[in-house]
Structures are given as C-alpha cells and as structure tokens.
Amino acid sequence: MNDLIKLQLEDANDAMEKAIAHAESELTKIRAGKAMPSMLDGINVDYYGTPTPLSQIGTINTPDPRSLIVQPWEKSMLSVIEKAIIDSNIGLNPQNDGNIIRLAVPPLTEERRRELVRKVKDEAEKGKIAIRNIRKDANDKIKKFKNDGISEDEIKVGEGEVQKLTDSFIVRVDKLAEVKEKDIMTV
C-alpha cells in the first residue's frame, strides 16, 4: 500500500479514536441513577471572575451510591458552587450545611430511564455520524492522490481499508451505547 494512503489511514484512525473518546465522555454525563463524581464534570464555577471546573476548586466524593459530597477548598466558595449546580440544570438539589454541599441523587423512574436511553441512542448516533464524516474526508483525500500518480487499484484498496476502520469504530460506539443502556435499565 502507498505511504500517502497509509498516512491517511493513520490520520483517520486518530480522528476516529477522538470521536470515540468524545462519545464516551458524553455518555458518562448521562446519569444512570448512581452517584458519580463525573456527573458534575460539565459544571463551571465563577472562581474570582474566571469560569473554573468544579473539580478544580474542591473535592467531589460519593459516600454512598445515592449521594455526592462537594467540599470546596475555600469555604467562601460554598454559595457560588451551590448556585452553579442549580444553574447547571442537572436535576440535583444542593444542600449547603456551611462546610460541604450534599447532593442527593434520586432513583430513576421507568419513564425517566426510557428518556435517558433515548438520549444514549442520540449520543451514539452523533458518534457514528462523526465517524462517517471522518470516513468521507479520508476517502476524499485518498481520491485526490490519483493526481499524485497513485493507481486506481491502490485507491480502491485504501478506500476499502477506510471502510473496515469505520465499521470497527461504529461497532465500538454501539458497544458503548449498549453498556450504558444496560446500566440505565438495571434497577
């Protein structure tokens, strides 16, 4: 196989790995009824005028499967953290006791579980679309190699390899979604 095509395949592989990582991070944000510190990953707190991730201004612990505890390193940040959690709209009610913030994670109803499964499927589809777009870009670039004197047969082989790569990554996205769905639907 031609070196230019190999390079293109490596680039496509790297881009698809990033798409998988992104899909995985989006799926971890969907809560499955269990308290996880990653549930608070998307929350930024106004730390002296700078939006700062919550995990960088305090510790986040899970004392049990149904609650989270946020302990800021500066007590003056308690009310700011509390406001950020409320504004984030993640469905958790912070309880400030003057030292720490407790978050009770309510159990999921059957309707909410189905809604979350739909959300998981949407995220998985977004991941697949990203991978297909990478495939399209890689194939377009490989087709342009025809101008560089690469034979049509090598281009066809390259496109076949891109398709194999795409198929393997789509299977990985499906597996991630399947695991998350199973996690959500188990009571």
C-alpha atoms as a PDB file:
ATOM      1  CA  MET A   1       0.000   0.000   0.000  1.00  0.00           C
ATOM      2  CA  ASN A   2       1.200   3.502  -0.807  1.00  0.00           C
ATOM      3  CA  ASP A   3       2.725   5.611   2.002  1.00  0.00           C
ATOM      4  CA  LEU A   4       0.334   8.510   1.381  1.00  0.00           C
ATOM      5  CA  ILE A   5      -2.636   6.189   1.786  1.00  0.00           C
ATOM      6  CA  LYS A   6      -1.122   4.677   4.952  1.00  0.00           C
ATOM      7  CA  LEU A   7      -0.683   8.168   6.398  1.00  0.00           C
ATOM      8  CA  GLN A   8      -4.294   8.991   5.562  1.00  0.00           C
ATOM      9  CA  LEU A   9      -5.447   5.795   7.276  1.00  0.00           C
ATOM     10  CA  GLU A  10      -3.448   6.686  10.396  1.00  0.00           C
ATOM     11  CA  ASP A  11      -4.978  10.171  10.432  1.00  0.00           C
ATOM     12  CA  ALA A  12      -8.464   8.714  10.055  1.00  0.00           C
ATOM     13  CA  ASN A  13      -7.761   6.214  12.855  1.00  0.00           C
ATOM     14  CA  ASP A  14      -6.597   9.012  15.200  1.00  0.00           C
ATOM     15  CA  ALA A  15      -9.642  11.155  14.370  1.00  0.00           C
ATOM     16  CA  MET A  16     -11.983   8.201  14.950  1.00  0.00           C
ATOM     17  CA  GLU A  17     -10.321   7.470  18.309  1.00  0.00           C
ATOM     18  CA  LYS A  18     -11.046  11.071  19.298  1.00  0.00           C
ATOM     19  CA  ALA A  19     -14.663  10.695  18.157  1.00  0.00           C
ATOM     20  CA  ILE A  20     -14.988   7.562  20.319  1.00  0.00           C
ATOM     21  CA  ALA A  21     -13.446   9.369  23.311  1.00  0.00           C
ATOM     22  CA  HIS A  22     -15.882  12.242  22.851  1.00  0.00           C
ATOM     23  CA  ALA A  23     -18.873   9.906  22.575  1.00  0.00           C
ATOM     24  CA  GLU A  24     -17.696   8.089  25.693  1.00  0.00           C
ATOM     25  CA  SER A  25     -17.366  11.341  27.659  1.00  0.00           C
ATOM     26  CA  GLU A  26     -20.848  12.430  26.523  1.00  0.00           C
ATOM     27  CA  LEU A  27     -22.276   9.078  27.613  1.00  0.00           C
ATOM     28  CA  THR A  28     -20.706   9.331  31.082  1.00  0.00           C
ATOM     29  CA  LYS A  29     -22.541  12.626  31.594  1.00  0.00           C
ATOM     30  CA  ILE A  30     -25.851  10.777  31.293  1.00  0.00           C
ATOM     31  CA  ARG A  31     -26.566   9.637  34.809  1.00  0.00           C
ATOM     32  CA  ALA A  32     -27.726   6.119  35.444  1.00  0.00           C
ATOM     33  CA  GLY A  33     -29.213   6.607  38.898  1.00  0.00           C
ATOM     34  CA  LYS A  34     -25.883   6.026  40.635  1.00  0.00           C
ATOM     35  CA  ALA A  35     -23.969   8.949  42.063  1.00  0.00           C
ATOM     36  CA  MET A  36     -20.689   9.516  40.209  1.00  0.00           C
ATOM     37  CA  PRO A  37     -18.307  12.478  40.508  1.00  0.00           C
ATOM     38  CA  SER A  38     -18.274  12.669  36.690  1.00  0.00           C
ATOM     39  CA  MET A  39     -21.911  13.863  36.858  1.00  0.00           C
ATOM     40  CA  LEU A  40     -20.539  17.267  37.852  1.00  0.00           C
ATOM     41  CA  ASP A  41     -17.860  17.416  35.109  1.00  0.00           C
ATOM     42  CA  GLY A  42     -19.683  19.932  32.934  1.00  0.00           C
ATOM     43  CA  ILE A  43     -20.208  22.450  35.751  1.00  0.00           C
ATOM     44  CA  ASN A  44     -18.091  25.597  35.789  1.00  0.00           C
ATOM     45  CA  VAL A  45     -17.961  27.849  38.842  1.00  0.00           C
ATOM     46  CA  ASP A  46     -17.220  31.569  38.806  1.00  0.00           C
ATOM     47  CA  TYR A  47     -13.908  31.481  40.704  1.00  0.00           C
ATOM     48  CA  TYR A  48     -12.956  35.132  41.262  1.00  0.00           C
ATOM     49  CA  GLY A  49     -14.173  36.104  37.798  1.00  0.00           C
ATOM     50  CA  THR A  50     -12.822  33.055  35.956  1.00  0.00           C
ATOM     51  CA  PRO A  51     -15.073  30.145  34.920  1.00  0.00           C
ATOM     52  CA  THR A  52     -13.353  27.160  36.548  1.00  0.00           C
ATOM     53  CA  PRO A  53     -14.378  23.466  36.518  1.00  0.00           C
ATOM     54  CA  LEU A  54     -15.947  22.446  39.840  1.00  0.00           C
ATOM     55  CA  SER A  55     -13.404  19.629  40.265  1.00  0.00           C
ATOM     56  CA  GLN A  56     -10.585  22.229  40.400  1.00  0.00           C
ATOM     57  CA  ILE A  57     -11.930  24.194  43.379  1.00  0.00           C
ATOM     58  CA  GLY A  58     -12.894  21.340  45.689  1.00  0.00           C
ATOM     59  CA  THR A  59     -13.156  17.603  46.154  1.00  0.00           C
ATOM     60  CA  ILE A  60     -16.121  15.555  44.976  1.00  0.00           C
ATOM     61  CA  ASN A  61     -16.841  12.293  46.807  1.00  0.00           C
ATOM     62  CA  THR A  62     -19.518   9.601  46.731  1.00  0.00           C
ATOM     63  CA  PRO A  63     -20.110   8.373  50.290  1.00  0.00           C
ATOM     64  CA  ASP A  64     -22.851   6.045  49.018  1.00  0.00           C
ATOM     65  CA  PRO A  65     -24.474   5.182  45.645  1.00  0.00           C
ATOM     66  CA  ARG A  66     -27.240   7.784  46.138  1.00  0.00           C
ATOM     67  CA  SER A  67     -25.320  10.919  47.147  1.00  0.00           C
ATOM     68  CA  LEU A  68     -22.436  13.204  46.264  1.00  0.00           C
ATOM     69  CA  ILE A  69     -20.490  15.486  48.546  1.00  0.00           C
ATOM     70  CA  VAL A  70     -18.699  18.593  47.287  1.00  0.00           C
ATOM     71  CA  GLN A  71     -16.131  20.010  49.685  1.00  0.00           C
ATOM     72  CA  PRO A  72     -14.580  23.280  48.460  1.00  0.00           C
ATOM     73  CA  TRP A  73     -11.065  24.191  49.471  1.00  0.00           C
ATOM     74  CA  GLU A  74     -12.328  27.678  50.355  1.00  0.00           C
ATOM     75  CA  LYS A  75     -15.493  27.948  52.435  1.00  0.00           C
ATOM     76  CA  SER A  76     -16.284  31.286  50.777  1.00  0.00           C
ATOM     77  CA  MET A  77     -16.977  29.345  47.562  1.00  0.00           C
ATOM     78  CA  LEU A  78     -19.885  27.314  49.022  1.00  0.00           C
ATOM     79  CA  SER A  79     -22.679  29.619  47.854  1.00  0.00           C
ATOM     80  CA  VAL A  80     -21.045  30.123  44.427  1.00  0.00           C
ATOM     81  CA  ILE A  81     -20.773  26.338  43.946  1.00  0.00           C
ATOM     82  CA  GLU A  82     -24.356  25.883  45.112  1.00  0.00           C
ATOM     83  CA  LYS A  83     -25.572  28.471  42.575  1.00  0.00           C
ATOM     84  CA  ALA A  84     -23.518  26.852  39.771  1.00  0.00           C
ATOM     85  CA  ILE A  85     -25.038  23.433  40.499  1.00  0.00           C
ATOM     86  CA  ILE A  86     -28.567  24.862  40.466  1.00  0.00           C
ATOM     87  CA  ASP A  87     -27.880  26.815  37.249  1.00  0.00           C
ATOM     88  CA  SER A  88     -26.388  23.739  35.533  1.00  0.00           C
ATOM     89  CA  ASN A  89     -29.855  22.187  35.414  1.00  0.00           C
ATOM     90  CA  ILE A  90     -28.678  18.609  36.079  1.00  0.00           C
ATOM     91  CA  GLY A  91     -31.685  17.856  38.274  1.00  0.00           C
ATOM     92  CA  LEU A  92     -29.882  17.754  41.619  1.00  0.00           C
ATOM     93  CA  ASN A  93     -30.776  19.871  44.632  1.00  0.00           C
ATOM     94  CA  PRO A  94     -27.708  21.070  46.588  1.00  0.00           C
ATOM     95  CA  GLN A  95     -27.925  21.195  50.378  1.00  0.00           C
ATOM     96  CA  ASN A  96     -25.367  23.527  51.949  1.00  0.00           C
ATOM     97  CA  ASP A  97     -24.538  22.888  55.622  1.00  0.00           C
ATOM     98  CA  GLY A  98     -21.835  25.564  55.926  1.00  0.00           C
ATOM     99  CA  ASN A  99     -18.917  23.147  55.364  1.00  0.00           C
ATOM    100  CA  ILE A 100     -19.918  20.919  52.477  1.00  0.00           C
ATOM    101  CA  ILE A 101     -22.603  20.623  49.817  1.00  0.00           C
ATOM    102  CA  ARG A 102     -24.623  17.409  49.707  1.00  0.00           C
ATOM    103  CA  LEU A 103     -26.369  16.277  46.548  1.00  0.00           C
ATOM    104  CA  ALA A 104     -28.984  13.512  46.821  1.00  0.00           C
ATOM    105  CA  VAL A 105     -29.313  11.551  43.586  1.00  0.00           C
ATOM    106  CA  PRO A 106     -32.949  10.487  43.262  1.00  0.00           C
ATOM    107  CA  PRO A 107     -33.763   6.996  41.956  1.00  0.00           C
ATOM    108  CA  LEU A 108     -34.901   6.940  38.350  1.00  0.00           C
ATOM    109  CA  THR A 109     -38.492   6.304  37.314  1.00  0.00           C
ATOM    110  CA  GLU A 110     -39.259   3.940  34.420  1.00  0.00           C
ATOM    111  CA  GLU A 111     -40.249   6.914  32.227  1.00  0.00           C
ATOM    112  CA  ARG A 112     -37.004   8.738  33.049  1.00  0.00           C
ATOM    113  CA  ARG A 113     -34.988   5.594  32.271  1.00  0.00           C
ATOM    114  CA  ARG A 114     -36.590   5.363  28.822  1.00  0.00           C
ATOM    115  CA  GLU A 115     -35.872   9.048  28.257  1.00  0.00           C
ATOM    116  CA  LEU A 116     -32.223   8.513  29.213  1.00  0.00           C
ATOM    117  CA  VAL A 117     -31.981   5.502  26.862  1.00  0.00           C
ATOM    118  CA  ARG A 118     -33.232   7.750  24.035  1.00  0.00           C
ATOM    119  CA  LYS A 119     -30.550  10.266  24.994  1.00  0.00           C
ATOM    120  CA  VAL A 120     -27.922   7.490  24.901  1.00  0.00           C
ATOM    121  CA  LYS A 121     -29.083   6.465  21.424  1.00  0.00           C
ATOM    122  CA  ASP A 122     -28.889  10.104  20.268  1.00  0.00           C
ATOM    123  CA  GLU A 123     -25.324  10.436  21.580  1.00  0.00           C
ATOM    124  CA  ALA A 124     -24.346   7.133  19.972  1.00  0.00           C
ATOM    125  CA  GLU A 125     -25.803   8.318  16.662  1.00  0.00           C
ATOM    126  CA  LYS A 126     -23.821  11.568  16.927  1.00  0.00           C
ATOM    127  CA  GLY A 127     -20.680   9.481  17.452  1.00  0.00           C
ATOM    128  CA  LYS A 128     -21.476   7.352  14.395  1.00  0.00           C
ATOM    129  CA  ILE A 129     -22.120  10.461  12.296  1.00  0.00           C
ATOM    130  CA  ALA A 130     -18.748  11.896  13.366  1.00  0.00           C
ATOM    131  CA  ILE A 131     -17.045   8.632  12.364  1.00  0.00           C
ATOM    132  CA  ARG A 132     -18.843   8.573   8.998  1.00  0.00           C
ATOM    133  CA  ASN A 133     -17.781  12.176   8.356  1.00  0.00           C
ATOM    134  CA  ILE A 134     -14.178  11.193   9.076  1.00  0.00           C
ATOM    135  CA  ARG A 135     -14.585   8.299   6.614  1.00  0.00           C
ATOM    136  CA  LYS A 136     -15.901  10.691   3.958  1.00  0.00           C
ATOM    137  CA  ASP A 137     -12.982  13.112   4.490  1.00  0.00           C
ATOM    138  CA  ALA A 138     -10.442  10.275   4.369  1.00  0.00           C
ATOM    139  CA  ASN A 139     -11.950   8.868   1.153  1.00  0.00           C
ATOM    140  CA  ASP A 140     -11.974  12.333  -0.446  1.00  0.00           C
ATOM    141  CA  LYS A 141      -8.297  12.811   0.393  1.00  0.00           C
ATOM    142  CA  ILE A 142      -7.415   9.333  -0.888  1.00  0.00           C
ATOM    143  CA  LYS A 143      -9.246  10.057  -4.173  1.00  0.00           C
ATOM    144  CA  LYS A 144      -7.146  13.212  -4.592  1.00  0.00           C
ATOM    145  CA  PHE A 145      -3.999  11.028  -4.552  1.00  0.00           C
ATOM    146  CA  LYS A 146      -4.967   9.989  -8.085  1.00  0.00           C
ATOM    147  CA  ASN A 147      -3.440  13.330  -9.170  1.00  0.00           C
ATOM    148  CA  ASP A 148      -0.192  12.294  -7.452  1.00  0.00           C
ATOM    149  CA  GLY A 149       0.149   9.249  -9.693  1.00  0.00           C
ATOM    150  CA  ILE A 150      -1.307   6.599  -7.387  1.00  0.00           C
ATOM    151  CA  SER A 151      -3.111   3.825  -9.271  1.00  0.00           C
ATOM    152  CA  GLU A 152      -6.880   3.370  -9.089  1.00  0.00           C
ATOM    153  CA  ASP A 153      -6.383  -0.100  -7.617  1.00  0.00           C
ATOM    154  CA  GLU A 154      -4.387   1.305  -4.691  1.00  0.00           C
ATOM    155  CA  ILE A 155      -7.030   3.975  -4.172  1.00  0.00           C
ATOM    156  CA  LYS A 156      -9.760   1.276  -4.083  1.00  0.00           C
ATOM    157  CA  VAL A 157      -7.719  -0.748  -1.562  1.00  0.00           C
ATOM    158  CA  GLY A 158      -7.264   2.413   0.542  1.00  0.00           C
ATOM    159  CA  GLU A 159     -10.979   3.135   0.474  1.00  0.00           C
ATOM    160  CA  GLY A 160     -11.665  -0.467   1.482  1.00  0.00           C
ATOM    161  CA  GLU A 161      -9.316  -0.091   4.459  1.00  0.00           C
ATOM    162  CA  VAL A 162     -11.066   3.152   5.488  1.00  0.00           C
ATOM    163  CA  GLN A 163     -14.399   1.303   5.379  1.00  0.00           C
ATOM    164  CA  LYS A 164     -13.033  -1.537   7.558  1.00  0.00           C
ATOM    165  CA  LEU A 165     -11.765   1.062  10.024  1.00  0.00           C
ATOM    166  CA  THR A 166     -15.145   2.822  10.012  1.00  0.00           C
ATOM    167  CA  ASP A 167     -17.026  -0.428  10.608  1.00  0.00           C
ATOM    168  CA  SER A 168     -14.826  -1.364  13.577  1.00  0.00           C
ATOM    169  CA  PHE A 169     -15.300   2.061  15.202  1.00  0.00           C
ATOM    170  CA  ILE A 170     -19.066   2.007  14.676  1.00  0.00           C
ATOM    171  CA  VAL A 171     -19.174  -1.381  16.427  1.00  0.00           C
ATOM    172  CA  ARG A 172     -17.269   0.201  19.356  1.00  0.00           C
ATOM    173  CA  VAL A 173     -19.810   3.038  19.582  1.00  0.00           C
ATOM    174  CA  ASP A 174     -22.651   0.503  19.562  1.00  0.00           C
ATOM    175  CA  LYS A 175     -20.989  -1.439  22.389  1.00  0.00           C
ATOM    176  CA  LEU A 176     -20.528   1.732  24.468  1.00  0.00           C
ATOM    177  CA  ALA A 177     -24.198   2.619  23.986  1.00  0.00           C
ATOM    178  CA  GLU A 178     -25.303  -0.934  24.786  1.00  0.00           C
ATOM    179  CA  VAL A 179     -23.342  -0.962  28.058  1.00  0.00           C
ATOM    180  CA  LYS A 180     -24.772   2.434  29.039  1.00  0.00           C
ATOM    181  CA  GLU A 181     -28.337   1.354  28.195  1.00  0.00           C
ATOM    182  CA  LYS A 182     -27.951  -1.785  30.284  1.00  0.00           C
ATOM    183  CA  ASP A 183     -26.597   0.347  33.142  1.00  0.00           C
ATOM    184  CA  ILE A 184     -29.580   2.705  32.941  1.00  0.00           C
ATOM    185  CA  MET A 185     -32.219  -0.018  32.719  1.00  0.00           C
ATOM    186  CA  THR A 186     -30.945  -2.076  35.687  1.00  0.00           C
ATOM    187  CA  VAL A 187     -32.817  -1.101  38.817  1.00  0.00           C
END
